[in-house]
Amino acid sequence: MTPAAASALAIALGVFGATALYLGAPWQRLLRQRWPAVASLGLGCVGLAASLALFAAQLNVAVAIYSWLTLLMICFSVLPFLAAYLRRSETKA
């Protein structure tokens, strides 16, 4: 696997894991009903662990952890705004 493909896969798995954790939270607004907590926690942790492992295989460990945490921060910041935007467009239509 090329380094670019591994990095893209690490980012995709990180976004998937963060989204899975977000969808299991009681305050999430993307879906009408939250995901079951066990499934959300399991899928989220597996996705995030795989993402961190791929980052660590491609980068220095410190840089991998920094990149991974930055990705999580971006995801957990964007998801609530995405939910608000989607709800806003639902009410306008």
C-alpha atoms as a PDB file:
ATOM      1  CA  MET A   1       0.000   0.000   0.000  1.00  0.00           C
ATOM      2  CA  THR A   2       1.370   3.382  -0.934  1.00  0.00           C
ATOM      3  CA  PRO A   3       1.885   5.970   1.815  1.00  0.00           C
ATOM      4  CA  ALA A   4      -0.792   8.216   0.309  1.00  0.00           C
ATOM      5  CA  ALA A   5      -3.340   5.380   0.280  1.00  0.00           C
ATOM      6  CA  ALA A   6      -2.468   4.415   3.860  1.00  0.00           C
ATOM      7  CA  SER A   7      -2.882   8.008   5.002  1.00  0.00           C
ATOM      8  CA  ALA A   8      -6.207   8.325   3.192  1.00  0.00           C
ATOM      9  CA  LEU A   9      -7.400   5.087   4.786  1.00  0.00           C
ATOM     10  CA  ALA A  10      -6.255   6.283   8.212  1.00  0.00           C
ATOM     11  CA  ILE A  11      -8.212   9.509   7.763  1.00  0.00           C
ATOM     12  CA  ALA A  12     -11.317   7.643   6.563  1.00  0.00           C
ATOM     13  CA  LEU A  13     -11.172   5.225   9.496  1.00  0.00           C
ATOM     14  CA  GLY A  14     -10.682   8.123  11.904  1.00  0.00           C
ATOM     15  CA  VAL A  15     -13.705   9.970  10.529  1.00  0.00           C
ATOM     16  CA  PHE A  16     -15.738   6.746  10.658  1.00  0.00           C
ATOM     17  CA  GLY A  17     -14.716   6.059  14.262  1.00  0.00           C
ATOM     18  CA  ALA A  18     -15.439   9.600  15.430  1.00  0.00           C
ATOM     19  CA  THR A  19     -18.806   9.580  13.659  1.00  0.00           C
ATOM     20  CA  ALA A  20     -19.716   6.232  15.191  1.00  0.00           C
ATOM     21  CA  LEU A  21     -18.909   7.536  18.670  1.00  0.00           C
ATOM     22  CA  TYR A  22     -20.880  10.727  18.001  1.00  0.00           C
ATOM     23  CA  LEU A  23     -23.939   8.828  16.782  1.00  0.00           C
ATOM     24  CA  GLY A  24     -24.052   6.847  20.019  1.00  0.00           C
ATOM     25  CA  ALA A  25     -24.087   9.956  22.205  1.00  0.00           C
ATOM     26  CA  PRO A  26     -27.434  10.931  23.740  1.00  0.00           C
ATOM     27  CA  TRP A  27     -27.093  14.551  22.538  1.00  0.00           C
ATOM     28  CA  GLN A  28     -26.381  13.792  18.881  1.00  0.00           C
ATOM     29  CA  ARG A  29     -28.709  15.438  16.361  1.00  0.00           C
ATOM     30  CA  LEU A  30     -27.733  13.825  13.049  1.00  0.00           C
ATOM     31  CA  LEU A  31     -30.206  10.969  13.410  1.00  0.00           C
ATOM     32  CA  ARG A  32     -33.661  10.947  14.945  1.00  0.00           C
ATOM     33  CA  GLN A  33     -32.632   8.122  17.282  1.00  0.00           C
ATOM     34  CA  ARG A  34     -29.154   7.461  18.606  1.00  0.00           C
ATOM     35  CA  TRP A  35     -27.221   4.297  17.845  1.00  0.00           C
ATOM     36  CA  PRO A  36     -27.059   1.599  20.529  1.00  0.00           C
ATOM     37  CA  ALA A  37     -24.294   2.485  22.950  1.00  0.00           C
ATOM     38  CA  VAL A  38     -22.445  -0.849  22.750  1.00  0.00           C
ATOM     39  CA  ALA A  39     -22.386  -0.922  18.942  1.00  0.00           C
ATOM     40  CA  SER A  40     -21.369   2.730  18.743  1.00  0.00           C
ATOM     41  CA  LEU A  41     -18.596   2.328  21.281  1.00  0.00           C
ATOM     42  CA  GLY A  42     -17.305  -0.876  19.683  1.00  0.00           C
ATOM     43  CA  LEU A  43     -17.287   0.402  16.105  1.00  0.00           C
ATOM     44  CA  GLY A  44     -15.894   3.773  17.142  1.00  0.00           C
ATOM     45  CA  CYS A  45     -13.025   2.320  19.155  1.00  0.00           C
ATOM     46  CA  VAL A  46     -12.104  -0.188  16.444  1.00  0.00           C
ATOM     47  CA  GLY A  47     -12.130   2.527  13.776  1.00  0.00           C
ATOM     48  CA  LEU A  48     -10.069   4.908  15.885  1.00  0.00           C
ATOM     49  CA  ALA A  49      -7.564   2.238  16.899  1.00  0.00           C
ATOM     50  CA  ALA A  50      -7.091   1.159  13.282  1.00  0.00           C
ATOM     51  CA  SER A  51      -6.689   4.795  12.255  1.00  0.00           C
ATOM     52  CA  LEU A  52      -4.025   5.408  14.894  1.00  0.00           C
ATOM     53  CA  ALA A  53      -2.216   2.211  13.922  1.00  0.00           C
ATOM     54  CA  LEU A  54      -2.119   3.238  10.264  1.00  0.00           C
ATOM     55  CA  PHE A  55      -0.911   6.722  11.156  1.00  0.00           C
ATOM     56  CA  ALA A  56       1.791   5.241  13.401  1.00  0.00           C
ATOM     57  CA  ALA A  57       2.933   2.891  10.630  1.00  0.00           C
ATOM     58  CA  GLN A  58       3.398   5.809   8.245  1.00  0.00           C
ATOM     59  CA  LEU A  59       4.700   8.543  10.556  1.00  0.00           C
ATOM     60  CA  ASN A  60       6.811   9.066  13.630  1.00  0.00           C
ATOM     61  CA  VAL A  61       4.755   8.041  16.692  1.00  0.00           C
ATOM     62  CA  ALA A  62       4.567  11.563  18.132  1.00  0.00           C
ATOM     63  CA  VAL A  63       3.519  13.014  14.780  1.00  0.00           C
ATOM     64  CA  ALA A  64       0.999  10.192  14.325  1.00  0.00           C
ATOM     65  CA  ILE A  65      -0.628  10.879  17.695  1.00  0.00           C
ATOM     66  CA  TYR A  66      -0.706  14.613  17.013  1.00  0.00           C
ATOM     67  CA  SER A  67      -2.262  14.082  13.568  1.00  0.00           C
ATOM     68  CA  TRP A  68      -4.791  11.611  14.954  1.00  0.00           C
ATOM     69  CA  LEU A  69      -5.849  13.932  17.774  1.00  0.00           C
ATOM     70  CA  THR A  70      -6.164  16.820  15.331  1.00  0.00           C
ATOM     71  CA  LEU A  71      -8.392  14.699  13.103  1.00  0.00           C
ATOM     72  CA  LEU A  72     -10.592  13.798  16.086  1.00  0.00           C
ATOM     73  CA  MET A  73     -10.820  17.431  17.155  1.00  0.00           C
ATOM     74  CA  ILE A  74     -11.925  18.461  13.668  1.00  0.00           C
ATOM     75  CA  CYS A  75     -14.514  15.671  13.460  1.00  0.00           C
ATOM     76  CA  PHE A  76     -16.007  16.326  16.888  1.00  0.00           C
ATOM     77  CA  SER A  77     -16.163  20.049  16.074  1.00  0.00           C
ATOM     78  CA  VAL A  78     -17.749  19.686  12.628  1.00  0.00           C
ATOM     79  CA  LEU A  79     -20.371  17.006  13.360  1.00  0.00           C
ATOM     80  CA  PRO A  80     -22.649  19.161  15.567  1.00  0.00           C
ATOM     81  CA  PHE A  81     -22.569  21.981  13.013  1.00  0.00           C
ATOM     82  CA  LEU A  82     -23.319  19.517  10.223  1.00  0.00           C
ATOM     83  CA  ALA A  83     -26.337  18.299  12.191  1.00  0.00           C
ATOM     84  CA  ALA A  84     -27.551  21.862  12.733  1.00  0.00           C
ATOM     85  CA  TYR A  85     -27.116  22.666   9.054  1.00  0.00           C
ATOM     86  CA  LEU A  86     -29.029  19.576   7.969  1.00  0.00           C
ATOM     87  CA  ARG A  87     -31.864  20.319  10.424  1.00  0.00           C
ATOM     88  CA  ARG A  88     -32.016  23.899   9.175  1.00  0.00           C
ATOM     89  CA  SER A  89     -32.317  22.795   5.561  1.00  0.00           C
ATOM     90  CA  GLU A  90     -35.051  20.304   6.578  1.00  0.00           C
ATOM     91  CA  THR A  91     -37.192  23.030   8.097  1.00  0.00           C
ATOM     92  CA  LYS A  92     -36.782  25.350   5.099  1.00  0.00           C
ATOM     93  CA  ALA A  93     -37.900  22.708   2.585  1.00  0.00           C
END
